[in-house]
Amino acid sequence: MGSESSKKAPADPRTSDVVLVYGRSDDGKAYDVLRQRGAEIEAGSMRPLDDGKPIHGEVVRLKARDDSAVLFDVEVHHDGRSSTGRPAKVASDQYRKGWDSIWAKKRDPHTLN
């Protein structure tokens, strides 16, 4: 007779993405982490997103693991790389129209085209 094991099979190390949280930054707003992505291990820090502040790196969501309080599975929501190769568009068309209405040079109505 065989018995079924309640343990899950180990994750494939080539595709796993796991973070180990091991400390806090001096300002208390960031966490020091080690991240295993596939076969590579990286050291870094994570901090929460703040409205109006630039994003440096990836936007991720951490999912707690049942077997450890300091290990988390990583779900990447934004990879942090520009897809267009150009800077982000930070001003809307409405903002530009307002800027032009204030600062653009006025054309002399008496000049010919």
PDB file of N, CA and C in Angstrom:
ATOM      1  N   MET A   1       0.828  -1.178   0.000  1.00  0.00           N
ATOM      2  CA  MET A   1       0.000   0.000   0.000  1.00  0.00           C
ATOM      3  C   MET A   1       0.871   1.239   0.000  1.00  0.00           C
ATOM      4  N   GLY A   2       0.500   2.152  -0.850  1.00  0.00           N
ATOM      5  CA  GLY A   2       1.236   3.411  -0.902  1.00  0.00           C
ATOM      6  C   GLY A   2       0.474   4.498  -0.187  1.00  0.00           C
ATOM      7  N   SER A   3       1.204   5.424   0.405  1.00  0.00           N
ATOM      8  CA  SER A   3       0.544   6.561   1.064  1.00  0.00           C
ATOM      9  C   SER A   3       0.885   7.840   0.315  1.00  0.00           C
ATOM     10  N   GLU A   4      -0.083   8.719   0.259  1.00  0.00           N
ATOM     11  CA  GLU A   4       0.150   9.987  -0.432  1.00  0.00           C
ATOM     12  C   GLU A   4       0.831  10.963   0.515  1.00  0.00           C
ATOM     13  N   SER A   5       1.805  11.658   0.001  1.00  0.00           N
ATOM     14  CA  SER A   5       2.523  12.637   0.809  1.00  0.00           C
ATOM     15  C   SER A   5       1.836  13.988   0.700  1.00  0.00           C
ATOM     16  N   SER A   6       1.717  14.699   1.810  1.00  0.00           N
ATOM     17  CA  SER A   6       1.099  16.023   1.808  1.00  0.00           C
ATOM     18  C   SER A   6       2.107  17.120   1.435  1.00  0.00           C
ATOM     19  N   LYS A   7       3.368  16.741   1.297  1.00  0.00           N
ATOM     20  CA  LYS A   7       4.394  17.717   0.934  1.00  0.00           C
ATOM     21  C   LYS A   7       4.335  18.008  -0.560  1.00  0.00           C
ATOM     22  N   LYS A   8       4.582  19.293  -0.898  1.00  0.00           N
ATOM     23  CA  LYS A   8       4.617  19.666  -2.306  1.00  0.00           C
ATOM     24  C   LYS A   8       5.990  19.332  -2.875  1.00  0.00           C
ATOM     25  N   ALA A   9       6.026  19.087  -4.168  1.00  0.00           N
ATOM     26  CA  ALA A   9       7.302  18.827  -4.829  1.00  0.00           C
ATOM     27  C   ALA A   9       8.126  20.107  -4.808  1.00  0.00           C
ATOM     28  N   PRO A  10       9.446  20.009  -4.687  1.00  0.00           N
ATOM     29  CA  PRO A  10      10.263  21.221  -4.673  1.00  0.00           C
ATOM     30  C   PRO A  10      10.129  21.980  -5.986  1.00  0.00           C
ATOM     31  N   ALA A  11      10.203  23.298  -5.889  1.00  0.00           N
ATOM     32  CA  ALA A  11      10.086  24.144  -7.081  1.00  0.00           C
ATOM     33  C   ALA A  11      11.296  23.949  -7.978  1.00  0.00           C
ATOM     34  N   ASP A  12      11.087  24.107  -9.251  1.00  0.00           N
ATOM     35  CA  ASP A  12      12.172  24.008 -10.223  1.00  0.00           C
ATOM     36  C   ASP A  12      13.100  25.205 -10.025  1.00  0.00           C
ATOM     37  N   PRO A  13      14.368  25.004  -9.651  1.00  0.00           N
ATOM     38  CA  PRO A  13      15.264  26.126  -9.369  1.00  0.00           C
ATOM     39  C   PRO A  13      15.534  27.001 -10.591  1.00  0.00           C
ATOM     40  N   ARG A  14      15.298  26.498 -11.800  1.00  0.00           N
ATOM     41  CA  ARG A  14      15.538  27.303 -12.994  1.00  0.00           C
ATOM     42  C   ARG A  14      14.439  28.329 -13.212  1.00  0.00           C
ATOM     43  N   THR A  15      13.252  28.106 -12.643  1.00  0.00           N
ATOM     44  CA  THR A  15      12.133  29.018 -12.857  1.00  0.00           C
ATOM     45  C   THR A  15      11.630  29.665 -11.574  1.00  0.00           C
ATOM     46  N   SER A  16      12.164  29.294 -10.425  1.00  0.00           N
ATOM     47  CA  SER A  16      11.662  29.846  -9.175  1.00  0.00           C
ATOM     48  C   SER A  16      12.157  31.284  -8.982  1.00  0.00           C
ATOM     49  N   ASP A  17      11.356  32.062  -8.271  1.00  0.00           N
ATOM     50  CA  ASP A  17      11.686  33.446  -7.954  1.00  0.00           C
ATOM     51  C   ASP A  17      11.287  33.657  -6.505  1.00  0.00           C
ATOM     52  N   VAL A  18      12.290  33.720  -5.613  1.00  0.00           N
ATOM     53  CA  VAL A  18      12.052  33.736  -4.174  1.00  0.00           C
ATOM     54  C   VAL A  18      12.863  34.850  -3.531  1.00  0.00           C
ATOM     55  N   VAL A  19      12.264  35.505  -2.519  1.00  0.00           N
ATOM     56  CA  VAL A  19      12.950  36.561  -1.772  1.00  0.00           C
ATOM     57  C   VAL A  19      13.067  36.137  -0.316  1.00  0.00           C
ATOM     58  N   LEU A  20      14.253  36.376   0.259  1.00  0.00           N
ATOM     59  CA  LEU A  20      14.507  36.190   1.680  1.00  0.00           C
ATOM     60  C   LEU A  20      14.701  37.575   2.283  1.00  0.00           C
ATOM     61  N   VAL A  21      13.844  37.954   3.227  1.00  0.00           N
ATOM     62  CA  VAL A  21      13.958  39.250   3.903  1.00  0.00           C
ATOM     63  C   VAL A  21      14.812  39.037   5.144  1.00  0.00           C
ATOM     64  N   TYR A  22      15.929  39.802   5.246  1.00  0.00           N
ATOM     65  CA  TYR A  22      16.833  39.583   6.376  1.00  0.00           C
ATOM     66  C   TYR A  22      17.108  40.820   7.202  1.00  0.00           C
ATOM     67  N   GLY A  23      16.573  41.974   6.831  1.00  0.00           N
ATOM     68  CA  GLY A  23      16.831  43.160   7.645  1.00  0.00           C
ATOM     69  C   GLY A  23      16.063  44.362   7.146  1.00  0.00           C
ATOM     70  N   ARG A  24      16.218  45.465   7.894  1.00  0.00           N
ATOM     71  CA  ARG A  24      15.575  46.732   7.536  1.00  0.00           C
ATOM     72  C   ARG A  24      16.641  47.779   7.289  1.00  0.00           C
ATOM     73  N   SER A  25      16.293  48.749   6.443  1.00  0.00           N
ATOM     74  CA  SER A  25      17.219  49.846   6.156  1.00  0.00           C
ATOM     75  C   SER A  25      17.325  50.760   7.368  1.00  0.00           C
ATOM     76  N   ASP A  26      18.315  51.645   7.336  1.00  0.00           N
ATOM     77  CA  ASP A  26      18.522  52.567   8.453  1.00  0.00           C
ATOM     78  C   ASP A  26      17.321  53.484   8.666  1.00  0.00           C
ATOM     79  N   ASP A  27      16.643  53.894   7.577  1.00  0.00           N
ATOM     80  CA  ASP A  27      15.483  54.782   7.717  1.00  0.00           C
ATOM     81  C   ASP A  27      14.202  54.030   8.064  1.00  0.00           C
ATOM     82  N   GLY A  28      14.251  52.697   8.073  1.00  0.00           N
ATOM     83  CA  GLY A  28      13.105  51.886   8.440  1.00  0.00           C
ATOM     84  C   GLY A  28      12.034  51.770   7.368  1.00  0.00           C
ATOM     85  N   LYS A  29      12.285  52.341   6.191  1.00  0.00           N
ATOM     86  CA  LYS A  29      11.267  52.328   5.134  1.00  0.00           C
ATOM     87  C   LYS A  29      11.511  51.246   4.083  1.00  0.00           C
ATOM     88  N   ALA A  30      12.659  50.595   4.120  1.00  0.00           N
ATOM     89  CA  ALA A  30      12.993  49.571   3.123  1.00  0.00           C
ATOM     90  C   ALA A  30      13.432  48.302   3.839  1.00  0.00           C
ATOM     91  N   TYR A  31      13.390  47.202   3.098  1.00  0.00           N
ATOM     92  CA  TYR A  31      13.836  45.914   3.623  1.00  0.00           C
ATOM     93  C   TYR A  31      15.024  45.425   2.824  1.00  0.00           C
ATOM     94  N   ASP A  32      16.004  44.872   3.519  1.00  0.00           N
ATOM     95  CA  ASP A  32      17.151  44.254   2.862  1.00  0.00           C
ATOM     96  C   ASP A  32      16.754  42.834   2.493  1.00  0.00           C
ATOM     97  N   VAL A  33      17.062  42.459   1.245  1.00  0.00           N
ATOM     98  CA  VAL A  33      16.624  41.155   0.762  1.00  0.00           C
ATOM     99  C   VAL A  33      17.712  40.453  -0.034  1.00  0.00           C
ATOM    100  N   LEU A  34      17.594  39.144  -0.092  1.00  0.00           N
ATOM    101  CA  LEU A  34      18.333  38.307  -1.026  1.00  0.00           C
ATOM    102  C   LEU A  34      17.282  37.687  -1.929  1.00  0.00           C
ATOM    103  N   ARG A  35      17.534  37.713  -3.232  1.00  0.00           N
ATOM    104  CA  ARG A  35      16.563  37.189  -4.188  1.00  0.00           C
ATOM    105  C   ARG A  35      17.203  36.111  -5.029  1.00  0.00           C
ATOM    106  N   GLN A  36      16.562  34.952  -5.060  1.00  0.00           N
ATOM    107  CA  GLN A  36      16.992  33.879  -5.941  1.00  0.00           C
ATOM    108  C   GLN A  36      16.028  33.831  -7.097  1.00  0.00           C
ATOM    109  N   ARG A  37      16.559  34.146  -8.276  1.00  0.00           N
ATOM    110  CA  ARG A  37      15.771  34.114  -9.514  1.00  0.00           C
ATOM    111  C   ARG A  37      16.443  33.101 -10.409  1.00  0.00           C
ATOM    112  N   GLY A  38      15.808  31.934 -10.526  1.00  0.00           N
ATOM    113  CA  GLY A  38      16.455  30.853 -11.262  1.00  0.00           C
ATOM    114  C   GLY A  38      17.690  30.407 -10.501  1.00  0.00           C
ATOM    115  N   ALA A  39      18.828  30.341 -11.187  1.00  0.00           N
ATOM    116  CA  ALA A  39      20.073  29.907 -10.555  1.00  0.00           C
ATOM    117  C   ALA A  39      20.874  31.083 -10.011  1.00  0.00           C
ATOM    118  N   GLU A  40      20.412  32.325 -10.197  1.00  0.00           N
ATOM    119  CA  GLU A  40      21.155  33.514  -9.771  1.00  0.00           C
ATOM    120  C   GLU A  40      20.641  34.039  -8.440  1.00  0.00           C
ATOM    121  N   ILE A  41      21.561  34.554  -7.620  1.00  0.00           N
ATOM    122  CA  ILE A  41      21.216  35.158  -6.341  1.00  0.00           C
ATOM    123  C   ILE A  41      21.662  36.610  -6.364  1.00  0.00           C
ATOM    124  N   GLU A  42      20.745  37.515  -5.964  1.00  0.00           N
ATOM    125  CA  GLU A  42      21.023  38.954  -5.970  1.00  0.00           C
ATOM    126  C   GLU A  42      20.737  39.526  -4.588  1.00  0.00           C
ATOM    127  N   ALA A  43      21.517  40.519  -4.176  1.00  0.00           N
ATOM    128  CA  ALA A  43      21.258  41.259  -2.943  1.00  0.00           C
ATOM    129  C   ALA A  43      20.646  42.596  -3.324  1.00  0.00           C
ATOM    130  N   GLY A  44      19.713  43.067  -2.528  1.00  0.00           N
ATOM    131  CA  GLY A  44      19.096  44.348  -2.836  1.00  0.00           C
ATOM    132  C   GLY A  44      18.217  44.819  -1.706  1.00  0.00           C
ATOM    133  N   SER A  45      17.393  45.814  -2.017  1.00  0.00           N
ATOM    134  CA  SER A  45      16.448  46.323  -1.039  1.00  0.00           C
ATOM    135  C   SER A  45      15.101  46.532  -1.711  1.00  0.00           C
ATOM    136  N   MET A  46      14.059  46.488  -0.897  1.00  0.00           N
ATOM    137  CA  MET A  46      12.693  46.684  -1.390  1.00  0.00           C
ATOM    138  C   MET A  46      12.051  47.756  -0.540  1.00  0.00           C
ATOM    139  N   ARG A  47      11.305  48.638  -1.209  1.00  0.00           N
ATOM    140  CA  ARG A  47      10.552  49.644  -0.468  1.00  0.00           C
ATOM    141  C   ARG A  47       9.181  49.791  -1.100  1.00  0.00           C
ATOM    142  N   PRO A  48       8.204  50.270  -0.339  1.00  0.00           N
ATOM    143  CA  PRO A  48       6.858  50.403  -0.882  1.00  0.00           C
ATOM    144  C   PRO A  48       6.788  51.492  -1.945  1.00  0.00           C
ATOM    145  N   LEU A  49       5.802  51.379  -2.822  1.00  0.00           N
ATOM    146  CA  LEU A  49       5.571  52.405  -3.833  1.00  0.00           C
ATOM    147  C   LEU A  49       4.991  53.643  -3.158  1.00  0.00           C
ATOM    148  N   ASP A  50       5.446  54.820  -3.602  1.00  0.00           N
ATOM    149  CA  ASP A  50       4.913  56.082  -3.105  1.00  0.00           C
ATOM    150  C   ASP A  50       4.387  56.884  -4.277  1.00  0.00           C
ATOM    151  N   ASP A  51       3.171  57.426  -4.149  1.00  0.00           N
ATOM    152  CA  ASP A  51       2.595  58.246  -5.206  1.00  0.00           C
ATOM    153  C   ASP A  51       3.504  59.429  -5.524  1.00  0.00           C
ATOM    154  N   GLY A  52       3.720  59.651  -6.806  1.00  0.00           N
ATOM    155  CA  GLY A  52       4.500  60.801  -7.249  1.00  0.00           C
ATOM    156  C   GLY A  52       5.998  60.606  -7.222  1.00  0.00           C
ATOM    157  N   LYS A  53       6.473  59.483  -6.722  1.00  0.00           N
ATOM    158  CA  LYS A  53       7.913  59.226  -6.676  1.00  0.00           C
ATOM    159  C   LYS A  53       8.288  58.248  -7.776  1.00  0.00           C
ATOM    160  N   PRO A  54       9.493  58.400  -8.341  1.00  0.00           N
ATOM    161  CA  PRO A  54       9.901  57.499  -9.423  1.00  0.00           C
ATOM    162  C   PRO A  54      10.079  56.064  -8.940  1.00  0.00           C
ATOM    163  N   ILE A  55       9.919  55.145  -9.874  1.00  0.00           N
ATOM    164  CA  ILE A  55      10.116  53.729  -9.590  1.00  0.00           C
ATOM    165  C   ILE A  55      11.490  53.341 -10.103  1.00  0.00           C
ATOM    166  N   HIS A  56      12.296  52.767  -9.231  1.00  0.00           N
ATOM    167  CA  HIS A  56      13.633  52.303  -9.602  1.00  0.00           C
ATOM    168  C   HIS A  56      13.631  50.790  -9.527  1.00  0.00           C
ATOM    169  N   GLY A  57      13.662  50.138 -10.674  1.00  0.00           N
ATOM    170  CA  GLY A  57      13.659  48.680 -10.686  1.00  0.00           C
ATOM    171  C   GLY A  57      12.296  48.112 -10.968  1.00  0.00           C
ATOM    172  N   GLU A  58      12.031  46.958 -10.403  1.00  0.00           N
ATOM    173  CA  GLU A  58      10.799  46.228 -10.679  1.00  0.00           C
ATOM    174  C   GLU A  58       9.712  46.560  -9.662  1.00  0.00           C
ATOM    175  N   VAL A  59       8.466  46.346 -10.076  1.00  0.00           N
ATOM    176  CA  VAL A  59       7.325  46.383  -9.164  1.00  0.00           C
ATOM    177  C   VAL A  59       6.914  44.936  -8.970  1.00  0.00           C
ATOM    178  N   VAL A  60       6.967  44.470  -7.727  1.00  0.00           N
ATOM    179  CA  VAL A  60       6.682  43.074  -7.429  1.00  0.00           C
ATOM    180  C   VAL A  60       5.659  42.959  -6.310  1.00  0.00           C
ATOM    181  N   ARG A  61       5.046  41.801  -6.258  1.00  0.00           N
ATOM    182  CA  ARG A  61       4.158  41.446  -5.157  1.00  0.00           C
ATOM    183  C   ARG A  61       4.749  40.220  -4.502  1.00  0.00           C
ATOM    184  N   LEU A  62       4.834  40.221  -3.180  1.00  0.00           N
ATOM    185  CA  LEU A  62       5.380  39.091  -2.451  1.00  0.00           C
ATOM    186  C   LEU A  62       4.234  38.266  -1.869  1.00  0.00           C
ATOM    187  N   LYS A  63       4.341  36.961  -2.031  1.00  0.00           N
ATOM    188  CA  LYS A  63       3.357  36.032  -1.465  1.00  0.00           C
ATOM    189  C   LYS A  63       4.044  35.220  -0.387  1.00  0.00           C
ATOM    190  N   ALA A  64       3.528  35.321   0.831  1.00  0.00           N
ATOM    191  CA  ALA A  64       4.134  34.633   1.966  1.00  0.00           C
ATOM    192  C   ALA A  64       4.090  33.122   1.768  1.00  0.00           C
ATOM    193  N   ARG A  65       5.136  32.473   2.236  1.00  0.00           N
ATOM    194  CA  ARG A  65       5.180  31.011   2.205  1.00  0.00           C
ATOM    195  C   ARG A  65       4.723  30.476   3.548  1.00  0.00           C
ATOM    196  N   ASP A  66       4.062  29.340   3.516  1.00  0.00           N
ATOM    197  CA  ASP A  66       3.553  28.740   4.752  1.00  0.00           C
ATOM    198  C   ASP A  66       4.674  28.234   5.657  1.00  0.00           C
ATOM    199  N   ASP A  67       5.787  27.818   5.075  1.00  0.00           N
ATOM    200  CA  ASP A  67       6.845  27.172   5.840  1.00  0.00           C
ATOM    201  C   ASP A  67       7.872  28.124   6.438  1.00  0.00           C
ATOM    202  N   SER A  68       7.788  29.445   6.162  1.00  0.00           N
ATOM    203  CA  SER A  68       8.783  30.373   6.682  1.00  0.00           C
ATOM    204  C   SER A  68       8.213  31.781   6.760  1.00  0.00           C
ATOM    205  N   ALA A  69       8.600  32.505   7.794  1.00  0.00           N
ATOM    206  CA  ALA A  69       8.139  33.886   7.964  1.00  0.00           C
ATOM    207  C   ALA A  69       8.990  34.887   7.178  1.00  0.00           C
ATOM    208  N   VAL A  70      10.131  34.444   6.657  1.00  0.00           N
ATOM    209  CA  VAL A  70      11.035  35.368   5.958  1.00  0.00           C
ATOM    210  C   VAL A  70      11.211  35.046   4.479  1.00  0.00           C
ATOM    211  N   LEU A  71      10.577  33.979   3.989  1.00  0.00           N
ATOM    212  CA  LEU A  71      10.650  33.611   2.571  1.00  0.00           C
ATOM    213  C   LEU A  71       9.343  33.955   1.868  1.00  0.00           C
ATOM    214  N   PHE A  72       9.470  34.540   0.661  1.00  0.00           N
ATOM    215  CA  PHE A  72       8.308  34.954  -0.109  1.00  0.00           C
ATOM    216  C   PHE A  72       8.491  34.567  -1.568  1.00  0.00           C
ATOM    217  N   ASP A  73       7.407  34.145  -2.206  1.00  0.00           N
ATOM    218  CA  ASP A  73       7.401  33.942  -3.650  1.00  0.00           C
ATOM    219  C   ASP A  73       7.181  35.298  -4.303  1.00  0.00           C
ATOM    220  N   VAL A  74       7.856  35.550  -5.422  1.00  0.00           N
ATOM    221  CA  VAL A  74       7.802  36.847  -6.090  1.00  0.00           C
ATOM    222  C   VAL A  74       6.921  36.766  -7.328  1.00  0.00           C
ATOM    223  N   GLU A  75       6.034  37.742  -7.457  1.00  0.00           N
ATOM    224  CA  GLU A  75       5.213  37.900  -8.651  1.00  0.00           C
ATOM    225  C   GLU A  75       5.552  39.277  -9.229  1.00  0.00           C
ATOM    226  N   VAL A  76       6.133  39.308 -10.426  1.00  0.00           N
ATOM    227  CA  VAL A  76       6.561  40.557 -11.046  1.00  0.00           C
ATOM    228  C   VAL A  76       5.372  41.197 -11.762  1.00  0.00           C
ATOM    229  N   HIS A  77       5.065  42.455 -11.403  1.00  0.00           N
ATOM    230  CA  HIS A  77       3.981  43.196 -12.047  1.00  0.00           C
ATOM    231  C   HIS A  77       4.510  44.151 -13.110  1.00  0.00           C
ATOM    232  N   HIS A  78       5.715  44.650 -12.931  1.00  0.00           N
ATOM    233  CA  HIS A  78       6.346  45.536 -13.922  1.00  0.00           C
ATOM    234  C   HIS A  78       7.840  45.283 -13.833  1.00  0.00           C
ATOM    235  N   ASP A  79       8.468  45.008 -14.987  1.00  0.00           N
ATOM    236  CA  ASP A  79       9.873  44.603 -14.951  1.00  0.00           C
ATOM    237  C   ASP A  79      10.855  45.763 -14.864  1.00  0.00           C
ATOM    238  N   GLY A  80      10.389  47.001 -14.936  1.00  0.00           N
ATOM    239  CA  GLY A  80      11.276  48.132 -14.727  1.00  0.00           C
ATOM    240  C   GLY A  80      12.063  48.571 -15.938  1.00  0.00           C
ATOM    241  N   ARG A  81      11.924  47.882 -17.040  1.00  0.00           N
ATOM    242  CA  ARG A  81      12.636  48.275 -18.254  1.00  0.00           C
ATOM    243  C   ARG A  81      11.686  49.025 -19.161  1.00  0.00           C
ATOM    244  N   SER A  82      12.193  50.056 -19.817  1.00  0.00           N
ATOM    245  CA  SER A  82      11.375  50.824 -20.747  1.00  0.00           C
ATOM    246  C   SER A  82      11.169  50.006 -22.010  1.00  0.00           C
ATOM    247  N   SER A  83       9.920  49.885 -22.434  1.00  0.00           N
ATOM    248  CA  SER A  83       9.649  49.100 -23.630  1.00  0.00           C
ATOM    249  C   SER A  83       9.859  49.907 -24.901  1.00  0.00           C
ATOM    250  N   THR A  84       9.869  51.238 -24.803  1.00  0.00           N
ATOM    251  CA  THR A  84      10.011  52.069 -25.996  1.00  0.00           C
ATOM    252  C   THR A  84      11.439  52.540 -26.215  1.00  0.00           C
ATOM    253  N   GLY A  85      12.264  52.458 -25.196  1.00  0.00           N
ATOM    254  CA  GLY A  85      13.627  52.960 -25.311  1.00  0.00           C
ATOM    255  C   GLY A  85      13.707  54.466 -25.139  1.00  0.00           C
ATOM    256  N   ARG A  86      12.577  55.101 -24.813  1.00  0.00           N
ATOM    257  CA  ARG A  86      12.524  56.546 -24.592  1.00  0.00           C
ATOM    258  C   ARG A  86      12.091  56.811 -23.158  1.00  0.00           C
ATOM    259  N   PRO A  87      12.328  58.033 -22.670  1.00  0.00           N
ATOM    260  CA  PRO A  87      11.858  58.365 -21.316  1.00  0.00           C
ATOM    261  C   PRO A  87      10.339  58.303 -21.226  1.00  0.00           C
ATOM    262  N   ALA A  88       9.848  58.159 -20.034  1.00  0.00           N
ATOM    263  CA  ALA A  88       8.408  58.089 -19.816  1.00  0.00           C
ATOM    264  C   ALA A  88       7.748  59.426 -20.142  1.00  0.00           C
ATOM    265  N   LYS A  89       6.510  59.357 -20.601  1.00  0.00           N
ATOM    266  CA  LYS A  89       5.728  60.570 -20.869  1.00  0.00           C
ATOM    267  C   LYS A  89       5.147  61.007 -19.531  1.00  0.00           C
ATOM    268  N   VAL A  90       5.661  62.111 -19.005  1.00  0.00           N
ATOM    269  CA  VAL A  90       5.237  62.543 -17.678  1.00  0.00           C
ATOM    270  C   VAL A  90       4.266  63.706 -17.712  1.00  0.00           C
ATOM    271  N   ALA A  91       4.081  64.348 -18.870  1.00  0.00           N
ATOM    272  CA  ALA A  91       3.144  65.463 -18.973  1.00  0.00           C
ATOM    273  C   ALA A  91       2.017  65.076 -19.929  1.00  0.00           C
ATOM    274  N   SER A  92       0.799  65.386 -19.530  1.00  0.00           N
ATOM    275  CA  SER A  92      -0.350  65.072 -20.375  1.00  0.00           C
ATOM    276  C   SER A  92      -0.515  66.131 -21.461  1.00  0.00           C
ATOM    277  N   ASP A  93      -1.354  65.835 -22.450  1.00  0.00           N
ATOM    278  CA  ASP A  93      -1.631  66.807 -23.508  1.00  0.00           C
ATOM    279  C   ASP A  93      -2.286  68.058 -22.926  1.00  0.00           C
ATOM    280  N   GLN A  94      -3.162  67.877 -21.947  1.00  0.00           N
ATOM    281  CA  GLN A  94      -3.826  69.014 -21.314  1.00  0.00           C
ATOM    282  C   GLN A  94      -2.792  69.908 -20.622  1.00  0.00           C
ATOM    283  N   TYR A  95      -1.806  69.310 -19.959  1.00  0.00           N
ATOM    284  CA  TYR A  95      -0.742  70.071 -19.304  1.00  0.00           C
ATOM    285  C   TYR A  95       0.046  70.876 -20.339  1.00  0.00           C
ATOM    286  N   ARG A  96       0.384  70.238 -21.463  1.00  0.00           N
ATOM    287  CA  ARG A  96       1.157  70.928 -22.504  1.00  0.00           C
ATOM    288  C   ARG A  96       0.377  72.102 -23.096  1.00  0.00           C
ATOM    289  N   LYS A  97      -0.941  71.932 -23.313  1.00  0.00           N
ATOM    290  CA  LYS A  97      -1.759  73.027 -23.840  1.00  0.00           C
ATOM    291  C   LYS A  97      -1.768  74.203 -22.870  1.00  0.00           C
ATOM    292  N   GLY A  98      -1.892  73.909 -21.599  1.00  0.00           N
ATOM    293  CA  GLY A  98      -1.863  74.970 -20.587  1.00  0.00           C
ATOM    294  C   GLY A  98      -0.521  75.671 -20.562  1.00  0.00           C
ATOM    295  N   TRP A  99       0.560  74.901 -20.654  1.00  0.00           N
ATOM    296  CA  TRP A  99       1.915  75.466 -20.677  1.00  0.00           C
ATOM    297  C   TRP A  99       2.076  76.378 -21.889  1.00  0.00           C
ATOM    298  N   ASP A 100       1.646  75.891 -23.050  1.00  0.00           N
ATOM    299  CA  ASP A 100       1.768  76.690 -24.276  1.00  0.00           C
ATOM    300  C   ASP A 100       0.936  77.961 -24.207  1.00  0.00           C
ATOM    301  N   SER A 101      -0.242  77.896 -23.586  1.00  0.00           N
ATOM    302  CA  SER A 101      -1.080  79.095 -23.512  1.00  0.00           C
ATOM    303  C   SER A 101      -0.439  80.168 -22.639  1.00  0.00           C
ATOM    304  N   ILE A 102       0.399  79.779 -21.722  1.00  0.00           N
ATOM    305  CA  ILE A 102       1.067  80.748 -20.845  1.00  0.00           C
ATOM    306  C   ILE A 102       2.419  81.180 -21.411  1.00  0.00           C
ATOM    307  N   TRP A 103       3.224  80.224 -21.858  1.00  0.00           N
ATOM    308  CA  TRP A 103       4.620  80.496 -22.168  1.00  0.00           C
ATOM    309  C   TRP A 103       4.976  80.550 -23.644  1.00  0.00           C
ATOM    310  N   ALA A 104       4.136  80.033 -24.507  1.00  0.00           N
ATOM    311  CA  ALA A 104       4.489  80.017 -25.935  1.00  0.00           C
ATOM    312  C   ALA A 104       4.555  81.452 -26.476  1.00  0.00           C
ATOM    313  N   LYS A 105       5.461  81.665 -27.428  1.00  0.00           N
ATOM    314  CA  LYS A 105       5.582  82.989 -28.028  1.00  0.00           C
ATOM    315  C   LYS A 105       4.355  83.249 -28.886  1.00  0.00           C
ATOM    316  N   LYS A 106       3.798  84.422 -28.703  1.00  0.00           N
ATOM    317  CA  LYS A 106       2.628  84.811 -29.485  1.00  0.00           C
ATOM    318  C   LYS A 106       3.073  85.259 -30.870  1.00  0.00           C
ATOM    319  N   ARG A 107       2.320  84.856 -31.882  1.00  0.00           N
ATOM    320  CA  ARG A 107       2.622  85.280 -33.251  1.00  0.00           C
ATOM    321  C   ARG A 107       2.044  86.659 -33.475  1.00  0.00           C
ATOM    322  N   ASP A 108       2.776  87.475 -34.184  1.00  0.00           N
ATOM    323  CA  ASP A 108       2.294  88.813 -34.545  1.00  0.00           C
ATOM    324  C   ASP A 108       1.218  88.654 -35.616  1.00  0.00           C
ATOM    325  N   PRO A 109      -0.013  89.122 -35.358  1.00  0.00           N
ATOM    326  CA  PRO A 109      -1.096  88.919 -36.324  1.00  0.00           C
ATOM    327  C   PRO A 109      -0.883  89.695 -37.623  1.00  0.00           C
ATOM    328  N   HIS A 110       0.061  90.643 -37.654  1.00  0.00           N
ATOM    329  CA  HIS A 110       0.282  91.446 -38.840  1.00  0.00           C
ATOM    330  C   HIS A 110       1.328  90.859 -39.780  1.00  0.00           C
ATOM    331  N   THR A 111       1.992  89.771 -39.379  1.00  0.00           N
ATOM    332  CA  THR A 111       3.008  89.191 -40.238  1.00  0.00           C
ATOM    333  C   THR A 111       2.353  88.229 -41.207  1.00  0.00           C
ATOM    334  N   LEU A 112       2.955  88.136 -42.375  1.00  0.00           N
ATOM    335  CA  LEU A 112       2.462  87.222 -43.397  1.00  0.00           C
ATOM    336  C   LEU A 112       3.091  85.842 -43.196  1.00  0.00           C
ATOM    337  N   ASN A 113       2.433  84.833 -43.701  1.00  0.00           N
ATOM    338  CA  ASN A 113       2.962  83.464 -43.596  1.00  0.00           C
ATOM    339  C   ASN A 113       4.159  83.311 -44.457  1.00  0.00           C
TER     340      ASN A 113
END
